[in-house]
Amino acid sequence: MVAGATAVNGLDASFAHLIDPRRKWYNNRRIIALNAWIVLLLITSSTNGYDGSMMNGLQTLPQWSIPFGSPSGGKLGLLNAIQNIGALAGYPFAPYLADGIGRRKTVFLGAAIMCVATAVQTASQSVGMFIGARFLIGFGLTFAANAAPMLVTEISYPTYRAPLTSLYNSLWYSGSIIAAWTIYGTFKIQTTWAWRLPSLLQGLPAILQVLLVLFAPESPRWLISKGKDAEALKTLAYYHADGNEQDPLVLYEFQEIKAAIDFDRTVAANIGWKALISTPGNRKRMRIIVALAFFSQWSGNGLVSYYLNKVFDQIGITGSSTQLLINGILQIWNLGWAVFASFMVNRLGRRFLFLTSASLMTLFYTAQAICFARYAKNQAPAAGHAVIAFIFLFYAAYDLAFTPLIVSYTVEILPYHLRAKGFNIFNFVISLALIFNQYVNPIALDALEWKYYLVYVCWLAVEFVFLYFYLVETKNRTLEETAALFDGEDVIEQITGHIEGHEVREEADEKTSYGVSDDVGKA
């Protein structure tokens, strides 16, 4: 329970027997409706993916680069990094909004800001205007990206919680695919609409969320934390049990959530920012979360995500059409592997996927460095083509864990009362890593060329060692078992006693409400 009432481990053993085996996502209209709302939340990640691929594509377009002074080096780094600088500006407010006004309204606010920002970006007449618009996109995205995955994990039907939450980050590539192929289709337009049209389409997910998200269900956990128990029960019943508030699964979920939040209020000594590092269990959580956030951006993927055209230029592939075509195919490849891994989370486990991913990334990045060095030495086309092949293999390895799991694992191991703050720290670290990466990569790549790859080869080996010694497996565990992994058995005994006391009080209250002897209630 201390791990929060929403550990994202799919089907929790503690209430597996309460799941109606006939109730599937494809034959139950309430679950279909719930999953449709979840898709609306998942596309938040598409906006981020769209941005990275769009900036990659714009760099190949003379219609964009010439009017903006052909940016390179630090200026190009700033154009890419400014979105994450905007995100940094939003982080101090995001968790308070998510916990204060609710998950839905926070997503709505972020989407509304992004709608305005994409309009300004599309209408940009100067580099300064373009940079300002990208700052606003990052600022708005912070609010939506903080609240959306938490709402996904807090409203999902238990059977589908792990894969759906893992799909959140995987759909980064859906936006990336749309951007890559949009620019591939517009690069022949000779006017500035070659880049303005892709920029305009970046706002489409935000527009859909502004129009629809306030009609989506709110998190039952947030509702209970605000004293709206009846509304929370109604939401759980409507989407998880066809409206039956007496369904055993719904009652179990409701009581579990209520007991967890009760514990947070009456037993937890500190639920502020200090609590993130106040206990050994929370320090263990934060060590893993910070590391995963950093690893997700410092595994060598930043070179291809934002500077693919520079990589292609250095292996002799200079045609805009060819570069855009390879980029478009790569994004489809990435989406396929990420979605596959999302549905393997419960079957293969988190630890297996992370270790497999890290080991294969190290292998394929080493191969990239070797091929890059051979091309630099003798300009052999075969070596350049091999670099492309190993880029595809590297991303398949990356997508096994670092695309689907970094978000779902983070929200899974955080307790409810720290989830918004802990997830905000996760996003904050990602932004810091991205800003540094986006500034350093173009400068280092120009200066070191293929030798820069060796830095990432060494770092990937470090990542594997860290994951081997510190990553905790949470596959198919109950909430109590997940909590024990981080907080120890003593804490579990305290919480169990608190839950039992909560159930006794509820039973007594129920008997009293039905006119049972007052003596029973007093007892």
Protein backbone atom coordinates (compact mmCIF):
# COMPACT_ATOMS: atom_id res chain seq x y z
CA MET A 1 0.00 0.00 0.00
CA VAL A 2 2.88 2.37 0.66
CA ALA A 3 3.78 2.01 -3.00
CA GLY A 4 0.52 3.79 -3.76
CA ALA A 5 -2.76 2.32 -4.76
CA THR A 6 -1.73 2.19 -8.39
CA ALA A 7 1.38 0.17 -8.87
CA VAL A 8 1.59 -0.33 -12.59
CA ASN A 9 2.16 -4.05 -12.56
CA GLY A 10 -0.81 -5.14 -14.60
CA LEU A 11 -2.76 -7.83 -12.83
CA ASP A 12 -2.10 -7.69 -9.09
CA ALA A 13 -2.18 -11.15 -7.53
CA SER A 14 -4.02 -9.82 -4.50
CA PHE A 15 -7.23 -9.28 -6.46
CA ALA A 16 -6.74 -11.48 -9.52
CA HIS A 17 -9.65 -13.62 -8.38
CA LEU A 18 -11.94 -10.57 -8.46
CA ILE A 19 -11.38 -9.94 -12.19
CA ASP A 20 -14.27 -11.10 -14.35
CA PRO A 21 -12.56 -13.16 -17.10
CA ARG A 22 -15.40 -12.32 -19.49
CA ARG A 23 -14.71 -8.58 -19.21
CA LYS A 24 -12.21 -7.77 -21.97
CA TRP A 25 -11.24 -4.51 -23.61
CA TYR A 26 -12.76 -5.63 -26.92
CA ASN A 27 -16.15 -6.86 -25.67
CA ASN A 28 -17.02 -4.37 -22.92
CA ARG A 29 -18.22 -0.95 -24.05
CA ARG A 30 -17.28 0.75 -20.76
CA ILE A 31 -13.68 -0.47 -20.96
CA ILE A 32 -13.60 0.49 -24.64
CA ALA A 33 -14.75 4.00 -23.68
CA LEU A 34 -12.17 4.15 -20.87
CA ASN A 35 -9.37 3.11 -23.20
CA ALA A 36 -10.50 5.74 -25.71
CA TRP A 37 -10.08 8.41 -23.02
CA ILE A 38 -6.69 6.93 -22.19
CA VAL A 39 -5.63 7.25 -25.85
CA LEU A 40 -6.51 10.96 -25.63
CA LEU A 41 -4.06 11.21 -22.71
CA LEU A 42 -1.40 9.06 -24.35
CA ILE A 43 -1.06 11.42 -27.32
CA THR A 44 0.52 13.96 -24.97
CA SER A 45 3.72 12.05 -25.59
CA SER A 46 3.17 12.37 -29.35
CA THR A 47 3.64 16.14 -29.11
CA ASN A 48 7.12 15.64 -27.66
CA GLY A 49 8.04 13.05 -30.28
CA TYR A 50 6.74 15.27 -33.04
CA ASP A 51 8.99 18.09 -31.88
CA GLY A 52 12.22 16.09 -32.00
CA SER A 53 11.53 14.68 -35.44
CA MET A 54 10.30 18.03 -36.76
CA MET A 55 13.49 19.81 -35.67
CA ASN A 56 15.51 17.03 -37.32
CA GLY A 57 13.58 17.55 -40.53
CA LEU A 58 13.65 21.35 -40.50
CA GLN A 59 17.44 21.31 -40.45
CA THR A 60 17.39 19.64 -43.86
CA LEU A 61 15.09 22.30 -45.36
CA PRO A 62 16.72 25.36 -46.97
CA GLN A 63 13.26 27.00 -46.79
CA TRP A 64 13.73 27.03 -42.98
CA SER A 65 17.49 27.28 -42.51
CA ILE A 66 18.25 30.09 -44.99
CA PRO A 67 15.68 32.62 -43.63
CA PHE A 68 16.87 31.85 -40.10
CA GLY A 69 20.55 32.31 -40.96
CA SER A 70 21.54 28.63 -41.34
CA PRO A 71 21.94 28.06 -37.59
CA SER A 72 24.77 25.79 -36.45
CA GLY A 73 26.80 24.98 -33.35
CA GLY A 74 25.57 26.74 -30.22
CA LYS A 75 22.74 28.54 -32.03
CA LEU A 76 21.39 25.27 -33.39
CA GLY A 77 21.76 23.74 -29.95
CA LEU A 78 19.70 26.59 -28.46
CA LEU A 79 16.93 26.10 -31.05
CA ASN A 80 16.66 22.46 -30.03
CA ALA A 81 17.20 22.96 -26.30
CA ILE A 82 14.85 25.90 -25.77
CA GLN A 83 11.79 23.64 -25.51
CA ASN A 84 13.36 21.89 -22.54
CA ILE A 85 14.38 25.23 -21.02
CA GLY A 86 10.68 26.14 -21.21
CA ALA A 87 9.88 22.84 -19.54
CA LEU A 88 12.22 23.73 -16.67
CA ALA A 89 10.22 26.91 -16.09
CA GLY A 90 7.06 24.87 -15.61
CA TYR A 91 8.40 22.24 -13.23
CA PRO A 92 8.02 24.25 -10.01
CA PHE A 93 4.26 24.49 -10.64
CA ALA A 94 3.34 21.19 -12.33
CA PRO A 95 3.00 18.85 -9.29
CA TYR A 96 1.01 21.39 -7.29
CA LEU A 97 -1.43 21.83 -10.17
CA ALA A 98 -1.79 18.06 -10.69
CA ASP A 99 -2.46 17.51 -6.98
CA GLY A 100 -4.41 20.73 -6.54
CA ILE A 101 -6.83 21.22 -9.44
CA GLY A 102 -6.72 17.60 -10.63
CA ARG A 103 -5.13 15.60 -13.40
CA ARG A 104 -7.71 16.50 -16.09
CA LYS A 105 -7.58 20.27 -15.62
CA THR A 106 -3.80 20.24 -15.56
CA VAL A 107 -3.72 18.42 -18.91
CA PHE A 108 -6.25 20.95 -20.25
CA LEU A 109 -4.12 23.92 -19.09
CA GLY A 110 -0.96 22.49 -20.65
CA ALA A 111 -2.75 21.73 -23.93
CA ALA A 112 -4.22 25.25 -24.08
CA ILE A 113 -0.75 26.81 -23.68
CA MET A 114 0.61 24.54 -26.42
CA CYS A 115 -2.18 25.57 -28.81
CA VAL A 116 -1.18 29.22 -28.44
CA ALA A 117 2.52 28.37 -28.71
CA THR A 118 2.21 26.35 -31.93
CA ALA A 119 0.23 29.19 -33.50
CA VAL A 120 3.05 31.63 -32.67
CA GLN A 121 5.67 29.13 -33.91
CA THR A 122 3.84 28.71 -37.23
CA ALA A 123 3.62 32.47 -37.71
CA SER A 124 7.28 33.11 -36.76
CA GLN A 125 9.07 35.76 -38.82
CA SER A 126 12.42 35.62 -37.00
CA VAL A 127 14.64 33.29 -35.03
CA GLY A 128 13.72 35.10 -31.81
CA MET A 129 10.00 34.58 -32.39
CA PHE A 130 10.59 30.91 -33.22
CA ILE A 131 12.66 30.41 -30.07
CA GLY A 132 10.03 32.14 -27.91
CA ALA A 133 7.28 29.91 -29.30
CA ARG A 134 9.32 26.75 -28.63
CA PHE A 135 9.89 27.95 -25.05
CA LEU A 136 6.10 28.19 -24.61
CA ILE A 137 5.59 24.73 -26.11
CA GLY A 138 7.95 23.28 -23.51
CA PHE A 139 6.27 25.25 -20.72
CA GLY A 140 2.78 23.96 -21.60
CA LEU A 141 3.98 20.44 -22.27
CA THR A 142 5.35 20.24 -18.72
CA PHE A 143 1.86 20.47 -17.22
CA ALA A 144 0.27 17.99 -19.61
CA ALA A 145 3.18 15.54 -19.49
CA ASN A 146 3.24 15.57 -15.67
CA ALA A 147 -0.48 14.85 -15.25
CA ALA A 148 -1.36 12.65 -18.24
CA PRO A 149 0.63 9.48 -17.43
CA MET A 150 -0.46 9.64 -13.78
CA LEU A 151 -4.09 9.84 -14.86
CA VAL A 152 -3.55 6.90 -17.24
CA THR A 153 -2.16 4.70 -14.48
CA GLU A 154 -4.81 5.81 -11.98
CA ILE A 155 -7.89 5.10 -14.13
CA SER A 156 -6.80 2.05 -16.17
CA TYR A 157 -8.58 -1.26 -15.75
CA PRO A 158 -6.20 -3.38 -13.63
CA THR A 159 -5.51 -5.99 -16.31
CA TYR A 160 -4.30 -3.37 -18.78
CA ARG A 161 -2.56 -0.93 -16.46
CA ALA A 162 1.05 -1.93 -17.19
CA PRO A 163 0.89 -2.08 -21.01
CA LEU A 164 -1.21 1.09 -21.28
CA THR A 165 1.13 3.10 -19.06
CA SER A 166 4.11 1.70 -20.97
CA LEU A 167 2.46 2.80 -24.21
CA TYR A 168 2.57 6.42 -23.01
CA ASN A 169 6.24 6.94 -23.77
CA SER A 170 6.13 4.50 -26.69
CA LEU A 171 3.73 6.82 -28.51
CA TRP A 172 6.51 9.39 -28.61
CA TYR A 173 7.25 7.74 -31.93
CA SER A 174 3.74 8.21 -33.28
CA GLY A 175 4.34 11.95 -33.23
CA SER A 176 7.83 11.41 -34.60
CA ILE A 177 6.46 9.39 -37.53
CA ILE A 178 3.86 12.02 -38.42
CA ALA A 179 6.49 14.79 -38.32
CA ALA A 180 9.04 12.85 -40.36
CA TRP A 181 6.62 11.95 -43.14
CA THR A 182 4.93 15.36 -43.10
CA ILE A 183 8.25 17.07 -43.76
CA TYR A 184 9.11 14.43 -46.34
CA GLY A 185 5.88 15.42 -48.10
CA THR A 186 6.37 19.20 -47.79
CA PHE A 187 10.08 19.64 -48.50
CA LYS A 188 9.37 20.20 -52.22
CA ILE A 189 7.18 23.23 -51.41
CA GLN A 190 9.34 26.18 -52.37
CA THR A 191 7.77 28.66 -49.93
CA THR A 192 8.07 28.87 -46.12
CA TRP A 193 4.97 26.67 -45.90
CA ALA A 194 7.43 23.79 -46.32
CA TRP A 195 8.15 24.24 -42.59
CA ARG A 196 5.09 26.21 -41.43
CA LEU A 197 2.67 23.38 -42.28
CA PRO A 198 4.54 20.78 -40.15
CA SER A 199 4.78 23.37 -37.37
CA LEU A 200 1.02 23.93 -37.51
CA LEU A 201 0.28 20.20 -37.31
CA GLN A 202 2.31 19.99 -34.08
CA GLY A 203 -0.66 21.54 -32.28
CA LEU A 204 -3.17 18.87 -33.34
CA PRO A 205 -2.89 16.64 -30.20
CA ALA A 206 -3.21 19.72 -27.98
CA ILE A 207 -6.30 20.89 -29.87
CA LEU A 208 -7.97 17.49 -29.38
CA GLN A 209 -7.18 17.59 -25.66
CA VAL A 210 -8.53 21.11 -25.23
CA LEU A 211 -11.80 20.05 -26.86
CA LEU A 212 -12.25 16.71 -25.09
CA VAL A 213 -10.15 16.14 -21.99
CA LEU A 214 -12.50 17.81 -19.50
CA PHE A 215 -15.08 15.15 -20.38
CA ALA A 216 -12.67 12.33 -19.45
CA PRO A 217 -12.87 10.59 -16.04
CA GLU A 218 -10.88 12.13 -13.20
CA SER A 219 -8.51 10.02 -11.12
CA PRO A 220 -10.39 8.17 -8.33
CA ARG A 221 -7.31 8.61 -6.18
CA TRP A 222 -7.36 12.37 -6.60
CA LEU A 223 -11.11 12.46 -5.93
CA ILE A 224 -10.72 10.49 -2.69
CA SER A 225 -7.81 12.69 -1.63
CA LYS A 226 -10.20 15.65 -1.96
CA GLY A 227 -12.98 13.98 0.01
CA LYS A 228 -15.10 13.14 -3.06
CA ASP A 229 -15.53 9.49 -2.16
CA ALA A 230 -18.93 9.03 -3.80
CA GLU A 231 -17.70 10.41 -7.11
CA ALA A 232 -14.61 8.20 -6.97
CA LEU A 233 -16.71 5.08 -6.31
CA LYS A 234 -19.04 6.01 -9.15
CA THR A 235 -16.09 6.45 -11.55
CA LEU A 236 -14.57 3.10 -10.61
CA ALA A 237 -17.91 1.34 -10.91
CA TYR A 238 -18.83 2.94 -14.24
CA TYR A 239 -15.62 2.00 -16.04
CA HIS A 240 -14.49 -1.14 -14.19
CA ALA A 241 -17.80 -2.91 -13.47
CA ASP A 242 -20.53 -1.62 -15.82
CA GLY A 243 -21.82 0.76 -13.13
CA ASN A 244 -22.17 -1.84 -10.36
CA GLU A 245 -20.94 -0.14 -7.17
CA GLN A 246 -21.19 -3.44 -5.26
CA ASP A 247 -18.87 -5.31 -7.63
CA PRO A 248 -16.14 -7.07 -5.58
CA LEU A 249 -13.34 -5.63 -7.73
CA VAL A 250 -14.67 -2.08 -7.40
CA LEU A 251 -15.11 -2.42 -3.63
CA TYR A 252 -11.59 -3.83 -3.31
CA GLU A 253 -10.09 -1.00 -5.35
CA PHE A 254 -12.08 1.66 -3.52
CA GLN A 255 -11.18 0.37 -0.05
CA GLU A 256 -7.54 -0.05 -1.00
CA ILE A 257 -7.25 3.49 -2.36
CA LYS A 258 -9.07 4.95 0.64
CA ALA A 259 -6.90 3.06 3.12
CA ALA A 260 -3.72 4.14 1.33
CA ILE A 261 -4.67 7.81 1.33
CA ASP A 262 -5.83 7.52 4.94
CA PHE A 263 -2.42 6.13 5.83
CA ASP A 264 -0.70 8.99 4.03
CA ARG A 265 -2.70 11.54 6.03
CA THR A 266 -2.47 9.99 9.48
CA VAL A 267 0.74 7.95 9.55
CA ALA A 268 3.19 9.42 7.06
CA ALA A 269 5.29 11.99 8.87
CA ASN A 270 6.17 14.09 5.86
CA ILE A 271 4.55 14.19 2.44
CA GLY A 272 6.42 17.24 1.10
CA TRP A 273 9.53 17.40 -1.06
CA LYS A 274 11.74 16.34 1.84
CA ALA A 275 9.90 13.01 1.99
CA LEU A 276 11.48 12.05 -1.33
CA ILE A 277 14.75 11.45 0.49
CA SER A 278 13.62 11.12 4.13
CA THR A 279 13.54 7.30 4.29
CA PRO A 280 15.87 4.58 2.93
CA GLY A 281 13.05 3.27 0.73
CA ASN A 282 12.39 6.66 -0.82
CA ARG A 283 16.09 7.29 -1.34
CA LYS A 284 16.30 3.97 -3.16
CA ARG A 285 13.35 5.02 -5.33
CA MET A 286 14.88 8.40 -6.16
CA ARG A 287 18.27 6.89 -6.99
CA ILE A 288 16.63 4.64 -9.57
CA ILE A 289 14.30 7.34 -10.94
CA VAL A 290 17.06 9.94 -11.38
CA ALA A 291 19.32 7.37 -13.03
CA LEU A 292 16.63 6.19 -15.47
CA ALA A 293 15.79 9.76 -16.42
CA PHE A 294 19.42 10.55 -17.11
CA PHE A 295 20.10 7.26 -18.91
CA SER A 296 17.09 7.75 -21.17
CA GLN A 297 18.74 10.80 -22.75
CA TRP A 298 22.42 9.90 -22.37
CA SER A 299 22.49 6.54 -24.10
CA GLY A 300 23.65 7.96 -27.43
CA ASN A 301 20.11 8.30 -28.73
CA GLY A 302 20.32 12.11 -28.62
CA LEU A 303 22.61 12.15 -31.66
CA VAL A 304 20.02 10.51 -33.89
CA SER A 305 16.96 12.09 -32.26
CA TYR A 306 18.05 15.68 -32.89
CA TYR A 307 21.09 15.64 -35.18
CA LEU A 308 20.48 12.79 -37.62
CA ASN A 309 21.28 15.00 -40.59
CA LYS A 310 24.76 15.72 -39.19
CA VAL A 311 25.38 11.99 -38.70
CA PHE A 312 24.30 11.35 -42.30
CA ASP A 313 26.51 14.16 -43.62
CA GLN A 314 29.55 12.57 -41.97
CA ILE A 315 28.94 9.21 -43.69
CA GLY A 316 28.36 10.70 -47.13
CA ILE A 317 24.55 10.68 -47.25
CA THR A 318 23.81 14.32 -48.02
CA GLY A 319 20.61 14.34 -50.09
CA SER A 320 17.63 15.85 -48.25
CA SER A 321 15.21 13.37 -49.80
CA THR A 322 17.29 10.35 -48.73
CA GLN A 323 17.84 11.69 -45.22
CA LEU A 324 14.14 12.37 -44.72
CA LEU A 325 13.17 8.95 -46.11
CA ILE A 326 15.53 7.09 -43.75
CA ASN A 327 14.30 9.20 -40.82
CA GLY A 328 10.68 8.34 -41.63
CA ILE A 329 11.39 4.61 -41.86
CA LEU A 330 13.39 4.73 -38.61
CA GLN A 331 10.45 6.21 -36.69
CA ILE A 332 8.10 3.43 -37.88
CA TRP A 333 10.73 0.86 -36.87
CA ASN A 334 10.99 2.46 -33.42
CA LEU A 335 7.24 2.54 -32.85
CA GLY A 336 6.93 -1.15 -33.71
CA TRP A 337 9.60 -2.23 -31.22
CA ALA A 338 8.35 0.09 -28.47
CA VAL A 339 4.76 -1.13 -28.74
CA PHE A 340 5.95 -4.76 -28.80
CA ALA A 341 7.97 -4.19 -25.61
CA SER A 342 4.99 -2.47 -23.94
CA PHE A 343 2.93 -5.63 -24.24
CA MET A 344 5.83 -7.79 -22.98
CA VAL A 345 6.22 -5.91 -19.69
CA ASN A 346 4.28 -8.36 -17.54
CA ARG A 347 5.48 -11.44 -19.37
CA LEU A 348 9.24 -10.73 -19.41
CA GLY A 349 9.62 -8.38 -16.45
CA ARG A 350 11.20 -4.97 -16.01
CA ARG A 351 14.67 -6.14 -15.02
CA PHE A 352 15.05 -8.53 -17.95
CA LEU A 353 14.01 -5.86 -20.46
CA PHE A 354 16.31 -3.19 -19.00
CA LEU A 355 19.38 -5.43 -18.85
CA THR A 356 18.78 -6.81 -22.33
CA SER A 357 18.32 -3.29 -23.65
CA ALA A 358 21.50 -1.93 -22.04
CA SER A 359 23.70 -4.83 -23.15
CA LEU A 360 22.50 -4.73 -26.77
CA MET A 361 22.81 -0.93 -26.93
CA THR A 362 26.44 -1.20 -25.84
CA LEU A 363 27.11 -3.83 -28.50
CA PHE A 364 25.45 -1.97 -31.36
CA TYR A 365 26.89 1.43 -30.43
CA THR A 366 30.36 -0.09 -30.42
CA ALA A 367 29.66 -1.45 -33.90
CA GLN A 368 28.52 2.02 -35.01
CA ALA A 369 31.76 3.55 -33.75
CA ILE A 370 33.86 0.95 -35.61
CA CYS A 371 31.97 1.47 -38.88
CA PHE A 372 32.12 5.25 -38.47
CA ALA A 373 35.91 5.04 -37.95
CA ARG A 374 36.34 2.88 -41.05
CA TYR A 375 34.35 5.32 -43.15
CA ALA A 376 36.39 8.25 -41.84
CA LYS A 377 39.59 6.40 -42.82
CA ASN A 378 38.81 5.28 -46.37
CA GLN A 379 35.37 6.73 -47.28
CA ALA A 380 34.06 3.22 -48.04
CA PRO A 381 30.32 3.41 -48.85
CA ALA A 382 29.77 -0.02 -47.28
CA ALA A 383 30.99 1.30 -43.92
CA GLY A 384 28.55 4.22 -44.16
CA HIS A 385 25.67 1.89 -44.97
CA ALA A 386 26.66 -0.31 -42.02
CA VAL A 387 26.38 2.72 -39.73
CA ILE A 388 22.74 3.07 -40.81
CA ALA A 389 22.09 -0.62 -40.17
CA PHE A 390 23.53 -0.40 -36.67
CA ILE A 391 21.53 2.76 -35.95
CA PHE A 392 18.38 0.72 -36.60
CA LEU A 393 19.62 -2.17 -34.42
CA PHE A 394 20.66 0.24 -31.65
CA TYR A 395 17.18 1.77 -31.57
CA ALA A 396 15.52 -1.64 -31.46
CA ALA A 397 17.60 -2.32 -28.33
CA TYR A 398 16.78 1.11 -26.85
CA ASP A 399 13.07 0.59 -27.47
CA LEU A 400 12.98 -2.66 -25.50
CA ALA A 401 13.13 -0.77 -22.20
CA PHE A 402 14.06 2.90 -22.33
CA THR A 403 11.10 3.90 -24.44
CA PRO A 404 8.21 2.01 -22.76
CA LEU A 405 9.42 1.52 -19.20
CA ILE A 406 10.98 4.71 -17.93
CA VAL A 407 7.61 6.39 -17.32
CA SER A 408 5.60 3.33 -16.27
CA TYR A 409 8.30 2.09 -13.88
CA THR A 410 8.65 5.54 -12.31
CA VAL A 411 4.96 5.99 -11.51
CA GLU A 412 4.78 2.35 -10.42
CA ILE A 413 7.32 2.59 -7.63
CA LEU A 414 6.19 5.99 -6.27
CA PRO A 415 3.59 6.11 -3.47
CA TYR A 416 0.46 8.16 -4.21
CA HIS A 417 1.36 11.07 -1.93
CA LEU A 418 4.74 11.46 -3.68
CA ARG A 419 3.78 10.45 -7.21
CA ALA A 420 3.32 13.96 -8.68
CA LYS A 421 6.45 15.33 -7.02
CA GLY A 422 8.59 12.29 -7.79
CA PHE A 423 7.44 12.19 -11.39
CA ASN A 424 8.17 15.90 -11.66
CA ILE A 425 11.75 15.24 -10.52
CA PHE A 426 11.98 12.53 -13.18
CA ASN A 427 10.89 14.97 -15.92
CA PHE A 428 13.15 17.70 -14.52
CA VAL A 429 16.21 15.45 -14.77
CA ILE A 430 15.26 14.50 -18.33
CA SER A 431 15.10 18.17 -19.29
CA LEU A 432 18.48 18.91 -17.73
CA ALA A 433 20.03 15.95 -19.54
CA LEU A 434 18.41 17.01 -22.81
CA ILE A 435 19.50 20.64 -22.56
CA PHE A 436 23.10 19.64 -21.92
CA ASN A 437 22.93 16.97 -24.64
CA GLN A 438 21.44 19.30 -27.22
CA TYR A 439 24.09 21.94 -26.62
CA VAL A 440 27.05 19.57 -26.45
CA ASN A 441 26.23 17.05 -29.19
CA PRO A 442 26.53 19.30 -32.28
CA ILE A 443 29.72 20.92 -30.95
CA ALA A 444 31.32 17.62 -29.90
CA LEU A 445 30.30 15.87 -33.11
CA ASP A 446 31.91 18.63 -35.20
CA ALA A 447 35.09 18.54 -33.10
CA LEU A 448 35.56 14.81 -32.46
CA GLU A 449 33.59 13.23 -35.32
CA TRP A 450 33.53 9.40 -34.92
CA LYS A 451 35.63 9.52 -31.72
CA TYR A 452 32.64 11.07 -29.94
CA TYR A 453 30.89 7.71 -30.23
CA LEU A 454 33.47 6.16 -27.90
CA VAL A 455 32.26 8.41 -25.06
CA TYR A 456 28.79 6.87 -25.31
CA VAL A 457 30.16 3.33 -25.63
CA CYS A 458 31.89 3.71 -22.25
CA TRP A 459 28.84 5.34 -20.69
CA LEU A 460 26.51 2.56 -21.89
CA ALA A 461 28.71 0.03 -20.11
CA VAL A 462 28.32 2.10 -16.91
CA GLU A 463 24.53 2.07 -17.36
CA PHE A 464 24.48 -1.72 -17.58
CA VAL A 465 26.46 -2.08 -14.35
CA PHE A 466 24.13 0.32 -12.50
CA LEU A 467 20.98 -1.43 -13.71
CA TYR A 468 22.39 -4.84 -12.80
CA PHE A 469 23.07 -3.86 -9.19
CA TYR A 470 20.24 -1.43 -8.41
CA LEU A 471 17.16 -2.06 -10.55
CA VAL A 472 14.35 -3.77 -8.60
CA GLU A 473 12.00 -6.22 -10.32
CA THR A 474 8.30 -5.47 -9.71
CA LYS A 475 6.64 -7.88 -12.14
CA ASN A 476 3.28 -9.33 -11.02
CA ARG A 477 3.65 -8.29 -7.40
CA THR A 478 0.93 -7.08 -5.11
CA LEU A 479 1.11 -3.53 -3.85
CA GLU A 480 2.22 -4.75 -0.43
CA GLU A 481 5.00 -6.84 -1.98
CA THR A 482 6.14 -3.90 -4.11
CA ALA A 483 6.24 -1.70 -1.00
CA ALA A 484 8.28 -4.31 0.87
CA LEU A 485 10.91 -4.20 -1.87
CA PHE A 486 11.60 -0.56 -1.06
CA ASP A 487 10.42 0.08 2.50
CA GLY A 488 10.94 -3.20 4.33
CA GLU A 489 8.62 -5.50 6.23
CA ASP A 490 8.34 -3.25 9.31
CA VAL A 491 6.60 -0.56 7.30
CA ILE A 492 4.32 -3.13 5.70
CA GLU A 493 3.22 -4.38 9.12
CA GLN A 494 2.35 -0.81 10.15
CA ILE A 495 0.34 -0.24 6.99
CA THR A 496 -1.42 -3.61 7.23
CA GLY A 497 -2.50 -2.78 10.76
CA HIS A 498 -3.73 0.61 9.57
CA ILE A 499 -5.76 -0.99 6.76
CA GLU A 500 -7.28 -3.57 9.11
CA GLY A 501 -8.27 -0.81 11.51
CA HIS A 502 -9.78 1.12 8.63
CA GLU A 503 -11.86 -1.92 7.58
CA VAL A 504 -13.05 -2.51 11.15
CA ARG A 505 -14.19 1.10 11.42
CA GLU A 506 -16.02 0.87 8.09
CA GLU A 507 -17.75 -2.36 9.16
CA ALA A 508 -18.83 -0.78 12.43
CA ASP A 509 -20.09 2.31 10.64
CA GLU A 510 -22.05 0.15 8.22
CA LYS A 511 -23.72 -1.82 11.01
CA THR A 512 -24.63 1.36 12.83
CA SER A 513 -26.10 2.89 9.68
CA TYR A 514 -28.40 -0.11 9.29
CA GLY A 515 -29.74 0.21 12.84
CA VAL A 516 -27.63 -2.50 14.48
CA SER A 517 -27.25 -2.17 18.26
CA ASP A 518 -25.26 0.87 19.33
CA ASP A 519 -23.28 -1.48 21.55
CA VAL A 520 -21.85 -3.09 18.44
CA GLY A 521 -20.79 0.27 17.13
CA LYS A 522 -19.22 1.21 20.46
CA ALA A 523 -17.41 -2.10 20.60
